[in-house]
Amino acid sequence: MSNLSVSLFGYTLKNPIIPASGTFGFGYEFSEYYDINCLGSIALKGTTLEPRYGNPLPRIAECPAGMINAIGLQNPGAEAVVNDELIKLSKVYEGKVIANVGGHSVDEYVKAVEIVSKSDMVFAVELNISCPNVKGGGLAFGTDPKTAENLTREVKKHCDKPLIVKLSPNVTDVTELAKAVEIGGADGISLINTLLGMRLCLKTAKPIISTIKGGYSGIGVYPVALKMIYDVYKVTKIPIIGMGGVSSAENVIEMMYAGASAVMVGTQNLIDPYASKKIIDDLPKVMERYGIEKLSDIIGRAHNA
């Protein structure tokens, strides 16, 4: 019988599938479609210290192999997430979750992390230092290794849960960022966040989204994500959560071969609300096809092939 369980920071997930932040709301919304207790965990919608409306409309543009978004971390603020959103989620989900935190300054990151990490439902915090469509934050922290290292170190001092740092692909060498946040005290790394992209309206020649450019995600970024996971696994010793264009159980196996301990499903949830469940259901069949009995045994297999 196939064993789908994996371990992250000592917490056992029944399977490695985690809906990615920003693509699954606060989780309970999807309970209308299926029993979300089948999921390994859930990465909550990006949360900031204070409520954010996000960027002006329009902020979504379709692409042939994905989408561009410039939502801008719309959320009700850290206190509301803990006191309202997580309470709603606890009524339909029995597992623990990953809180995703963004900010414009070190102080904002620290204060937001202090709030969300106190929740018993949160087993890890994902630090979003790489959002390409938030002015004044995001890439300002996520493209310079020393800045990322210092931010990680400061946040880690105030976080009593394992700290995951989400890395940007919009850099020359993602391994330098990975090594920097590991030095800064990160317990894990998630990658990749969205690439930068844009679309133009053929009638007006103007950008489709209000911020001109935004984060490109979807199946088109999958090979880029796979390559970066492979590279980061070679230079770090902390767990990696892989993401970027995942749409099938085969993709999950491939990312774990490259070095991922768990895999987040993002844009595919917006295309098909059942996507994460379908991938979980398909995993045992794909594992049997490739002679895999235990998923935890295949992490990093490509590096020893």
C-alpha atoms as a PDB file:
ATOM      1  CA  MET A   1       0.000   0.000   0.000  1.00  0.00           C
ATOM      2  CA  SER A   2       1.323   3.465  -0.939  1.00  0.00           C
ATOM      3  CA  ASN A   3       2.559   5.671   1.894  1.00  0.00           C
ATOM      4  CA  LEU A   4       1.899   9.311   1.029  1.00  0.00           C
ATOM      5  CA  SER A   5       2.925  10.838   4.374  1.00  0.00           C
ATOM      6  CA  VAL A   6       5.807  13.291   4.683  1.00  0.00           C
ATOM      7  CA  SER A   7       7.292  15.237   7.580  1.00  0.00           C
ATOM      8  CA  LEU A   8       7.919  18.974   7.851  1.00  0.00           C
ATOM      9  CA  PHE A   9       9.683  20.322  10.931  1.00  0.00           C
ATOM     10  CA  GLY A  10       8.538  17.292  12.927  1.00  0.00           C
ATOM     11  CA  TYR A  11       4.899  17.689  11.889  1.00  0.00           C
ATOM     12  CA  THR A  12       3.506  14.781   9.890  1.00  0.00           C
ATOM     13  CA  LEU A  13       1.427  15.578   6.821  1.00  0.00           C
ATOM     14  CA  LYS A  14      -0.820  12.784   5.529  1.00  0.00           C
ATOM     15  CA  ASN A  15       0.373  13.706   2.024  1.00  0.00           C
ATOM     16  CA  PRO A  16       2.654  16.408   0.547  1.00  0.00           C
ATOM     17  CA  ILE A  17      -0.102  18.444  -1.146  1.00  0.00           C
ATOM     18  CA  ILE A  18      -0.597  21.980   0.163  1.00  0.00           C
ATOM     19  CA  PRO A  19      -2.718  24.580  -1.652  1.00  0.00           C
ATOM     20  CA  ALA A  20      -0.472  27.603  -2.155  1.00  0.00           C
ATOM     21  CA  SER A  21      -1.032  30.967  -0.516  1.00  0.00           C
ATOM     22  CA  GLY A  22      -3.263  33.282  -2.506  1.00  0.00           C
ATOM     23  CA  THR A  23      -4.935  30.493  -4.472  1.00  0.00           C
ATOM     24  CA  PHE A  24      -7.103  28.888  -1.785  1.00  0.00           C
ATOM     25  CA  GLY A  25      -8.424  31.789   0.257  1.00  0.00           C
ATOM     26  CA  PHE A  26      -8.417  30.887   3.944  1.00  0.00           C
ATOM     27  CA  GLY A  27      -9.360  27.302   3.123  1.00  0.00           C
ATOM     28  CA  TYR A  28     -12.915  27.080   4.371  1.00  0.00           C
ATOM     29  CA  GLU A  29     -14.234  28.496   1.082  1.00  0.00           C
ATOM     30  CA  PHE A  30     -13.217  25.292  -0.683  1.00  0.00           C
ATOM     31  CA  SER A  31     -15.031  23.083   1.824  1.00  0.00           C
ATOM     32  CA  GLU A  32     -18.133  23.750  -0.272  1.00  0.00           C
ATOM     33  CA  TYR A  33     -16.566  21.620  -3.012  1.00  0.00           C
ATOM     34  CA  TYR A  34     -14.990  18.724  -1.085  1.00  0.00           C
ATOM     35  CA  ASP A  35     -13.768  17.593   2.326  1.00  0.00           C
ATOM     36  CA  ILE A  36     -10.571  19.624   2.653  1.00  0.00           C
ATOM     37  CA  ASN A  37      -9.337  17.296   5.411  1.00  0.00           C
ATOM     38  CA  CYS A  38      -7.805  15.243   2.613  1.00  0.00           C
ATOM     39  CA  LEU A  39      -5.120  17.939   2.201  1.00  0.00           C
ATOM     40  CA  GLY A  40      -1.643  17.675   3.674  1.00  0.00           C
ATOM     41  CA  SER A  41      -1.943  21.240   4.925  1.00  0.00           C
ATOM     42  CA  ILE A  42      -3.092  24.668   3.702  1.00  0.00           C
ATOM     43  CA  ALA A  43      -1.036  27.818   3.100  1.00  0.00           C
ATOM     44  CA  LEU A  44      -3.262  30.703   4.110  1.00  0.00           C
ATOM     45  CA  LYS A  45      -3.901  33.782   2.013  1.00  0.00           C
ATOM     46  CA  GLY A  46      -1.107  36.339   2.355  1.00  0.00           C
ATOM     47  CA  THR A  47      -1.532  38.317   5.568  1.00  0.00           C
ATOM     48  CA  THR A  48      -0.221  41.748   6.557  1.00  0.00           C
ATOM     49  CA  LEU A  49      -0.234  43.557   9.892  1.00  0.00           C
ATOM     50  CA  GLU A  50      -3.036  45.911   8.886  1.00  0.00           C
ATOM     51  CA  PRO A  51      -5.952  45.243   6.499  1.00  0.00           C
ATOM     52  CA  ARG A  52      -5.178  45.796   2.811  1.00  0.00           C
ATOM     53  CA  TYR A  53      -7.582  46.393  -0.037  1.00  0.00           C
ATOM     54  CA  GLY A  54      -4.931  45.460  -2.569  1.00  0.00           C
ATOM     55  CA  ASN A  55      -4.243  46.983  -5.968  1.00  0.00           C
ATOM     56  CA  PRO A  56      -6.831  48.817  -8.103  1.00  0.00           C
ATOM     57  CA  LEU A  57      -8.853  46.852 -10.664  1.00  0.00           C
ATOM     58  CA  PRO A  58      -8.244  45.274 -13.116  1.00  0.00           C
ATOM     59  CA  ARG A  59      -5.658  42.996 -11.556  1.00  0.00           C
ATOM     60  CA  ILE A  60      -5.953  39.688 -13.423  1.00  0.00           C
ATOM     61  CA  ALA A  61      -4.868  38.899 -16.982  1.00  0.00           C
ATOM     62  CA  GLU A  62      -5.126  35.518 -18.674  1.00  0.00           C
ATOM     63  CA  CYS A  63      -2.169  33.986 -20.502  1.00  0.00           C
ATOM     64  CA  PRO A  64      -1.934  30.964 -22.850  1.00  0.00           C
ATOM     65  CA  ALA A  65      -0.131  28.890 -20.200  1.00  0.00           C
ATOM     66  CA  GLY A  66      -1.179  30.563 -16.963  1.00  0.00           C
ATOM     67  CA  MET A  67      -2.195  33.945 -15.628  1.00  0.00           C
ATOM     68  CA  ILE A  68      -0.829  37.273 -14.428  1.00  0.00           C
ATOM     69  CA  ASN A  69      -2.086  38.651 -11.131  1.00  0.00           C
ATOM     70  CA  ALA A  70      -1.529  41.875  -9.251  1.00  0.00           C
ATOM     71  CA  ILE A  71      -3.926  41.343  -6.349  1.00  0.00           C
ATOM     72  CA  GLY A  72      -1.615  43.166  -3.962  1.00  0.00           C
ATOM     73  CA  LEU A  73      -2.112  41.039  -0.843  1.00  0.00           C
ATOM     74  CA  GLN A  74      -5.727  41.958  -0.200  1.00  0.00           C
ATOM     75  CA  ASN A  75      -6.499  40.671   3.297  1.00  0.00           C
ATOM     76  CA  PRO A  76      -8.296  41.659   6.528  1.00  0.00           C
ATOM     77  CA  GLY A  77      -5.121  42.003   8.631  1.00  0.00           C
ATOM     78  CA  ALA A  78      -3.321  39.668  11.035  1.00  0.00           C
ATOM     79  CA  GLU A  79      -5.666  40.039  14.009  1.00  0.00           C
ATOM     80  CA  ALA A  80      -8.747  39.300  11.887  1.00  0.00           C
ATOM     81  CA  VAL A  81      -7.065  36.284  10.319  1.00  0.00           C
ATOM     82  CA  VAL A  82      -6.378  34.757  13.730  1.00  0.00           C
ATOM     83  CA  ASN A  83      -9.642  35.752  15.391  1.00  0.00           C
ATOM     84  CA  ASP A  84     -12.068  35.285  12.493  1.00  0.00           C
ATOM     85  CA  GLU A  85     -10.687  33.424   9.476  1.00  0.00           C
ATOM     86  CA  LEU A  86      -8.923  30.663  11.394  1.00  0.00           C
ATOM     87  CA  ILE A  87     -11.985  30.149  13.588  1.00  0.00           C
ATOM     88  CA  LYS A  88     -14.084  29.589  10.464  1.00  0.00           C
ATOM     89  CA  LEU A  89     -11.457  27.232   9.074  1.00  0.00           C
ATOM     90  CA  SER A  90     -11.285  25.212  12.320  1.00  0.00           C
ATOM     91  CA  LYS A  91     -14.939  24.259  11.885  1.00  0.00           C
ATOM     92  CA  VAL A  92     -14.237  22.398   8.633  1.00  0.00           C
ATOM     93  CA  TYR A  93     -10.548  21.485   8.859  1.00  0.00           C
ATOM     94  CA  GLU A  94      -8.868  19.361  11.532  1.00  0.00           C
ATOM     95  CA  GLY A  95      -5.238  19.826  10.496  1.00  0.00           C
ATOM     96  CA  LYS A  96      -2.684  22.558  11.027  1.00  0.00           C
ATOM     97  CA  VAL A  97      -1.840  25.269   8.523  1.00  0.00           C
ATOM     98  CA  ILE A  98       0.951  27.494   7.243  1.00  0.00           C
ATOM     99  CA  ALA A  99       0.426  31.232   7.757  1.00  0.00           C
ATOM    100  CA  ASN A 100       1.793  33.442   4.977  1.00  0.00           C
ATOM    101  CA  VAL A 101       3.007  36.902   6.025  1.00  0.00           C
ATOM    102  CA  GLY A 102       3.947  39.943   3.940  1.00  0.00           C
ATOM    103  CA  GLY A 103       4.963  43.488   4.805  1.00  0.00           C
ATOM    104  CA  HIS A 104       6.554  46.789   3.819  1.00  0.00           C
ATOM    105  CA  SER A 105       9.089  47.001   6.640  1.00  0.00           C
ATOM    106  CA  VAL A 106      10.947  44.775   9.060  1.00  0.00           C
ATOM    107  CA  ASP A 107       8.746  46.045  11.880  1.00  0.00           C
ATOM    108  CA  GLU A 108       5.549  45.158   9.974  1.00  0.00           C
ATOM    109  CA  TYR A 109       6.809  41.654   9.234  1.00  0.00           C
ATOM    110  CA  VAL A 110       7.816  41.106  12.854  1.00  0.00           C
ATOM    111  CA  LYS A 111       4.533  42.303  14.350  1.00  0.00           C
ATOM    112  CA  ALA A 112       2.400  40.316  11.901  1.00  0.00           C
ATOM    113  CA  VAL A 113       4.419  37.152  12.488  1.00  0.00           C
ATOM    114  CA  GLU A 114       4.098  37.567  16.258  1.00  0.00           C
ATOM    115  CA  ILE A 115       0.311  37.658  15.900  1.00  0.00           C
ATOM    116  CA  VAL A 116      -0.227  34.743  13.505  1.00  0.00           C
ATOM    117  CA  SER A 117       2.358  32.439  15.076  1.00  0.00           C
ATOM    118  CA  LYS A 118       0.428  32.405  18.356  1.00  0.00           C
ATOM    119  CA  SER A 119      -2.460  30.482  16.803  1.00  0.00           C
ATOM    120  CA  ASP A 120      -2.570  26.790  17.710  1.00  0.00           C
ATOM    121  CA  MET A 121      -3.718  26.038  14.156  1.00  0.00           C
ATOM    122  CA  VAL A 122      -0.486  27.410  12.672  1.00  0.00           C
ATOM    123  CA  PHE A 123       2.424  24.955  12.626  1.00  0.00           C
ATOM    124  CA  ALA A 124       4.730  27.082  10.453  1.00  0.00           C
ATOM    125  CA  VAL A 125       4.988  30.615   9.092  1.00  0.00           C
ATOM    126  CA  GLU A 126       5.829  31.357   5.462  1.00  0.00           C
ATOM    127  CA  LEU A 127       7.560  34.700   5.001  1.00  0.00           C
ATOM    128  CA  ASN A 128       6.660  36.266   1.658  1.00  0.00           C
ATOM    129  CA  ILE A 129       9.694  38.381   0.757  1.00  0.00           C
ATOM    130  CA  SER A 130       9.154  38.009  -2.965  1.00  0.00           C
ATOM    131  CA  CYS A 131       5.744  39.336  -4.035  1.00  0.00           C
ATOM    132  CA  PRO A 132       6.278  41.191  -7.338  1.00  0.00           C
ATOM    133  CA  ASN A 133       3.124  43.301  -7.216  1.00  0.00           C
ATOM    134  CA  VAL A 134       3.262  45.035  -3.826  1.00  0.00           C
ATOM    135  CA  LYS A 135       4.858  48.469  -3.888  1.00  0.00           C
ATOM    136  CA  GLY A 136       7.354  49.153  -1.120  1.00  0.00           C
ATOM    137  CA  GLY A 137       7.754  45.521  -0.075  1.00  0.00           C
ATOM    138  CA  GLY A 138       8.029  42.157  -1.749  1.00  0.00           C
ATOM    139  CA  LEU A 139      10.888  42.316  -4.196  1.00  0.00           C
ATOM    140  CA  ALA A 140      12.613  45.029  -2.177  1.00  0.00           C
ATOM    141  CA  PHE A 141      13.413  42.307   0.366  1.00  0.00           C
ATOM    142  CA  GLY A 142      13.442  39.325  -1.978  1.00  0.00           C
ATOM    143  CA  THR A 143      16.126  40.142  -4.531  1.00  0.00           C
ATOM    144  CA  ASP A 144      19.099  41.128  -2.370  1.00  0.00           C
ATOM    145  CA  PRO A 145      20.696  38.262  -0.388  1.00  0.00           C
ATOM    146  CA  LYS A 146      21.979  40.420   2.474  1.00  0.00           C
ATOM    147  CA  THR A 147      18.639  42.199   2.901  1.00  0.00           C
ATOM    148  CA  ALA A 148      16.812  38.861   2.843  1.00  0.00           C
ATOM    149  CA  GLU A 149      19.238  37.407   5.379  1.00  0.00           C
ATOM    150  CA  ASN A 150      18.795  40.335   7.765  1.00  0.00           C
ATOM    151  CA  LEU A 151      14.998  40.280   7.486  1.00  0.00           C
ATOM    152  CA  THR A 152      14.944  36.531   8.131  1.00  0.00           C
ATOM    153  CA  ARG A 153      17.178  36.929  11.178  1.00  0.00           C
ATOM    154  CA  GLU A 154      15.034  39.679  12.697  1.00  0.00           C
ATOM    155  CA  VAL A 155      11.756  37.849  12.111  1.00  0.00           C
ATOM    156  CA  LYS A 156      13.162  34.573  13.442  1.00  0.00           C
ATOM    157  CA  LYS A 157      13.868  36.269  16.789  1.00  0.00           C
ATOM    158  CA  HIS A 158      10.123  36.840  17.195  1.00  0.00           C
ATOM    159  CA  CYS A 159       8.700  33.664  15.637  1.00  0.00           C
ATOM    160  CA  ASP A 160       8.046  30.681  17.881  1.00  0.00           C
ATOM    161  CA  LYS A 161       7.115  28.434  14.949  1.00  0.00           C
ATOM    162  CA  PRO A 162       9.257  27.051  12.104  1.00  0.00           C
ATOM    163  CA  LEU A 163       9.979  29.848   9.614  1.00  0.00           C
ATOM    164  CA  ILE A 164       9.755  29.215   5.870  1.00  0.00           C
ATOM    165  CA  VAL A 165      11.060  31.894   3.504  1.00  0.00           C
ATOM    166  CA  LYS A 166       9.413  32.137   0.077  1.00  0.00           C
ATOM    167  CA  LEU A 167      11.927  32.982  -2.642  1.00  0.00           C
ATOM    168  CA  SER A 168      11.605  34.996  -5.831  1.00  0.00           C
ATOM    169  CA  PRO A 169      12.644  33.578  -9.213  1.00  0.00           C
ATOM    170  CA  ASN A 170      13.248  37.136 -10.458  1.00  0.00           C
ATOM    171  CA  VAL A 171      16.942  37.083  -9.582  1.00  0.00           C
ATOM    172  CA  THR A 172      20.169  36.129 -11.329  1.00  0.00           C
ATOM    173  CA  ASP A 173      20.983  33.273  -8.952  1.00  0.00           C
ATOM    174  CA  VAL A 174      18.315  31.968  -6.591  1.00  0.00           C
ATOM    175  CA  THR A 175      20.869  29.813  -4.748  1.00  0.00           C
ATOM    176  CA  GLU A 176      22.500  32.940  -3.304  1.00  0.00           C
ATOM    177  CA  LEU A 177      19.159  33.957  -1.798  1.00  0.00           C
ATOM    178  CA  ALA A 178      18.594  30.447  -0.490  1.00  0.00           C
ATOM    179  CA  LYS A 179      21.969  30.335   1.239  1.00  0.00           C
ATOM    180  CA  ALA A 180      21.400  33.816   2.681  1.00  0.00           C
ATOM    181  CA  VAL A 181      18.055  33.026   4.329  1.00  0.00           C
ATOM    182  CA  GLU A 182      19.445  29.743   5.662  1.00  0.00           C
ATOM    183  CA  ILE A 183      22.251  31.713   7.311  1.00  0.00           C
ATOM    184  CA  GLY A 184      19.611  34.116   8.612  1.00  0.00           C
ATOM    185  CA  GLY A 185      17.900  31.274  10.452  1.00  0.00           C
ATOM    186  CA  ALA A 186      15.194  30.035   8.086  1.00  0.00           C
ATOM    187  CA  ASP A 187      13.921  26.549   8.938  1.00  0.00           C
ATOM    188  CA  GLY A 188      12.694  25.938   5.392  1.00  0.00           C
ATOM    189  CA  ILE A 189      12.427  27.447   1.930  1.00  0.00           C
ATOM    190  CA  SER A 190       9.481  27.613  -0.455  1.00  0.00           C
ATOM    191  CA  LEU A 191       9.967  28.326  -4.149  1.00  0.00           C
ATOM    192  CA  ILE A 192       9.156  29.604  -6.596  1.00  0.00           C
ATOM    193  CA  ASN A 193       6.992  32.669  -6.271  1.00  0.00           C
ATOM    194  CA  THR A 194       5.653  34.193  -9.483  1.00  0.00           C
ATOM    195  CA  LEU A 195       7.742  35.418 -12.377  1.00  0.00           C
ATOM    196  CA  LEU A 196       7.269  38.965 -13.665  1.00  0.00           C
ATOM    197  CA  GLY A 197       5.029  39.392 -16.700  1.00  0.00           C
ATOM    198  CA  MET A 198       2.537  41.656 -18.453  1.00  0.00           C
ATOM    199  CA  ARG A 199      -0.210  41.678 -21.097  1.00  0.00           C
ATOM    200  CA  LEU A 200      -1.313  44.455 -23.447  1.00  0.00           C
ATOM    201  CA  CYS A 201      -4.820  45.144 -24.768  1.00  0.00           C
ATOM    202  CA  LEU A 202      -4.868  44.812 -28.560  1.00  0.00           C
ATOM    203  CA  LYS A 203      -7.592  47.477 -28.872  1.00  0.00           C
ATOM    204  CA  THR A 204      -5.928  50.187 -26.790  1.00  0.00           C
ATOM    205  CA  ALA A 205      -2.267  49.088 -26.650  1.00  0.00           C
ATOM    206  CA  LYS A 206      -2.432  49.738 -22.889  1.00  0.00           C
ATOM    207  CA  PRO A 207      -1.474  47.259 -20.146  1.00  0.00           C
ATOM    208  CA  ILE A 208      -4.413  45.078 -19.132  1.00  0.00           C
ATOM    209  CA  ILE A 209      -3.758  45.237 -15.392  1.00  0.00           C
ATOM    210  CA  SER A 210      -3.631  48.466 -13.417  1.00  0.00           C
ATOM    211  CA  THR A 211      -0.094  47.970 -12.124  1.00  0.00           C
ATOM    212  CA  ILE A 212       1.242  47.355 -15.679  1.00  0.00           C
ATOM    213  CA  LYS A 213       3.155  44.224 -14.661  1.00  0.00           C
ATOM    214  CA  GLY A 214       2.347  41.458 -12.237  1.00  0.00           C
ATOM    215  CA  GLY A 215       3.123  37.939 -11.136  1.00  0.00           C
ATOM    216  CA  TYR A 216       3.022  35.269 -13.866  1.00  0.00           C
ATOM    217  CA  SER A 217       2.046  31.808 -12.653  1.00  0.00           C
ATOM    218  CA  GLY A 218       0.603  28.589 -14.041  1.00  0.00           C
ATOM    219  CA  ILE A 219       1.826  25.593 -16.003  1.00  0.00           C
ATOM    220  CA  GLY A 220       4.182  27.729 -18.093  1.00  0.00           C
ATOM    221  CA  VAL A 221       6.504  28.318 -15.130  1.00  0.00           C
ATOM    222  CA  TYR A 222       6.822  24.656 -14.124  1.00  0.00           C
ATOM    223  CA  PRO A 223      10.195  23.890 -15.779  1.00  0.00           C
ATOM    224  CA  VAL A 224      11.673  27.063 -14.267  1.00  0.00           C
ATOM    225  CA  ALA A 225      10.434  26.085 -10.810  1.00  0.00           C
ATOM    226  CA  LEU A 226      11.766  22.541 -11.135  1.00  0.00           C
ATOM    227  CA  LYS A 227      15.213  23.768 -12.114  1.00  0.00           C
ATOM    228  CA  MET A 228      15.384  26.203  -9.196  1.00  0.00           C
ATOM    229  CA  ILE A 229      14.290  23.554  -6.679  1.00  0.00           C
ATOM    230  CA  TYR A 230      16.998  21.249  -8.048  1.00  0.00           C
ATOM    231  CA  ASP A 231      19.630  23.978  -7.711  1.00  0.00           C
ATOM    232  CA  VAL A 232      18.621  25.065  -4.204  1.00  0.00           C
ATOM    233  CA  TYR A 233      18.557  21.493  -2.901  1.00  0.00           C
ATOM    234  CA  LYS A 234      22.257  21.203  -3.789  1.00  0.00           C
ATOM    235  CA  VAL A 235      23.322  24.208  -1.700  1.00  0.00           C
ATOM    236  CA  THR A 236      21.075  24.092   1.385  1.00  0.00           C
ATOM    237  CA  LYS A 237      20.304  21.608   4.145  1.00  0.00           C
ATOM    238  CA  ILE A 238      16.842  22.828   5.147  1.00  0.00           C
ATOM    239  CA  PRO A 239      13.553  21.445   3.744  1.00  0.00           C
ATOM    240  CA  ILE A 240      12.176  22.802   0.486  1.00  0.00           C
ATOM    241  CA  ILE A 241       8.511  23.215  -0.368  1.00  0.00           C
ATOM    242  CA  GLY A 242       8.223  23.256  -4.138  1.00  0.00           C
ATOM    243  CA  MET A 243       5.653  25.125  -6.171  1.00  0.00           C
ATOM    244  CA  GLY A 244       5.176  26.700  -9.576  1.00  0.00           C
ATOM    245  CA  GLY A 245       2.911  25.369 -12.297  1.00  0.00           C
ATOM    246  CA  VAL A 246       2.012  22.102 -10.541  1.00  0.00           C
ATOM    247  CA  SER A 247      -1.022  20.519 -12.189  1.00  0.00           C
ATOM    248  CA  SER A 248      -0.627  16.749 -11.803  1.00  0.00           C
ATOM    249  CA  ALA A 249       0.560  13.940  -9.556  1.00  0.00           C
ATOM    250  CA  GLU A 250       3.426  13.405 -12.003  1.00  0.00           C
ATOM    251  CA  ASN A 251       4.541  16.988 -11.383  1.00  0.00           C
ATOM    252  CA  VAL A 252       4.562  16.312  -7.646  1.00  0.00           C
ATOM    253  CA  ILE A 253       6.777  13.230  -8.033  1.00  0.00           C
ATOM    254  CA  GLU A 254       9.150  15.172 -10.278  1.00  0.00           C
ATOM    255  CA  MET A 255       9.441  18.064  -7.811  1.00  0.00           C
ATOM    256  CA  MET A 256      10.151  15.652  -4.984  1.00  0.00           C
ATOM    257  CA  TYR A 257      12.835  13.977  -7.105  1.00  0.00           C
ATOM    258  CA  ALA A 258      14.372  17.448  -7.507  1.00  0.00           C
ATOM    259  CA  GLY A 259      14.426  17.967  -3.743  1.00  0.00           C
ATOM    260  CA  ALA A 260      11.027  19.132  -2.491  1.00  0.00           C
ATOM    261  CA  SER A 261       9.787  17.684   0.812  1.00  0.00           C
ATOM    262  CA  ALA A 262       6.258  18.888   0.065  1.00  0.00           C
ATOM    263  CA  VAL A 263       4.543  20.527  -2.907  1.00  0.00           C
ATOM    264  CA  MET A 264       2.172  23.473  -3.137  1.00  0.00           C
ATOM    265  CA  VAL A 265      -0.522  23.668  -5.794  1.00  0.00           C
ATOM    266  CA  GLY A 266      -1.318  27.222  -6.861  1.00  0.00           C
ATOM    267  CA  THR A 267      -2.942  28.552 -10.025  1.00  0.00           C
ATOM    268  CA  GLN A 268      -4.477  25.173 -10.845  1.00  0.00           C
ATOM    269  CA  ASN A 269      -6.846  25.662  -7.879  1.00  0.00           C
ATOM    270  CA  LEU A 270      -8.223  28.757  -9.607  1.00  0.00           C
ATOM    271  CA  ILE A 271      -8.744  26.854 -12.851  1.00  0.00           C
ATOM    272  CA  ASP A 272     -10.269  23.792 -11.174  1.00  0.00           C
ATOM    273  CA  PRO A 273     -11.366  24.020  -7.513  1.00  0.00           C
ATOM    274  CA  TYR A 274     -10.960  20.236  -7.244  1.00  0.00           C
ATOM    275  CA  ALA A 275      -7.343  20.303  -8.482  1.00  0.00           C
ATOM    276  CA  SER A 276      -5.589  19.553  -5.189  1.00  0.00           C
ATOM    277  CA  LYS A 277      -7.978  16.722  -4.361  1.00  0.00           C
ATOM    278  CA  LYS A 278      -7.548  15.185  -7.825  1.00  0.00           C
ATOM    279  CA  ILE A 279      -3.771  15.245  -7.452  1.00  0.00           C
ATOM    280  CA  ILE A 280      -4.000  13.521  -4.056  1.00  0.00           C
ATOM    281  CA  ASP A 281      -6.348  10.894  -5.478  1.00  0.00           C
ATOM    282  CA  ASP A 282      -3.982  10.263  -8.406  1.00  0.00           C
ATOM    283  CA  LEU A 283      -0.776   9.970  -6.364  1.00  0.00           C
ATOM    284  CA  PRO A 284      -1.122   6.276  -5.349  1.00  0.00           C
ATOM    285  CA  LYS A 285      -1.671   5.259  -8.980  1.00  0.00           C
ATOM    286  CA  VAL A 286       1.323   7.251 -10.193  1.00  0.00           C
ATOM    287  CA  MET A 287       3.470   5.913  -7.356  1.00  0.00           C
ATOM    288  CA  GLU A 288       2.567   2.343  -8.308  1.00  0.00           C
ATOM    289  CA  ARG A 289       3.381   3.056 -11.947  1.00  0.00           C
ATOM    290  CA  TYR A 290       6.917   4.125 -11.009  1.00  0.00           C
ATOM    291  CA  GLY A 291       7.511   1.585  -8.251  1.00  0.00           C
ATOM    292  CA  ILE A 292       7.351   4.079  -5.386  1.00  0.00           C
ATOM    293  CA  GLU A 293       6.139   2.698  -2.063  1.00  0.00           C
ATOM    294  CA  LYS A 294       6.911   5.652   0.212  1.00  0.00           C
ATOM    295  CA  LEU A 295       6.954   9.283  -0.920  1.00  0.00           C
ATOM    296  CA  SER A 296       9.372  10.384   1.768  1.00  0.00           C
ATOM    297  CA  ASP A 297      11.984   8.055   0.253  1.00  0.00           C
ATOM    298  CA  ILE A 298      12.126   9.885  -3.071  1.00  0.00           C
ATOM    299  CA  ILE A 299      13.046  13.383  -1.841  1.00  0.00           C
ATOM    300  CA  GLY A 300      16.151  14.449  -3.769  1.00  0.00           C
ATOM    301  CA  ARG A 301      16.370  11.181  -5.740  1.00  0.00           C
ATOM    302  CA  ALA A 302      17.448  13.041  -8.893  1.00  0.00           C
ATOM    303  CA  HIS A 303      20.692  13.992  -7.169  1.00  0.00           C
ATOM    304  CA  ASN A 304      21.676  10.358  -6.742  1.00  0.00           C
ATOM    305  CA  ALA A 305      20.347   8.971 -10.010  1.00  0.00           C
END
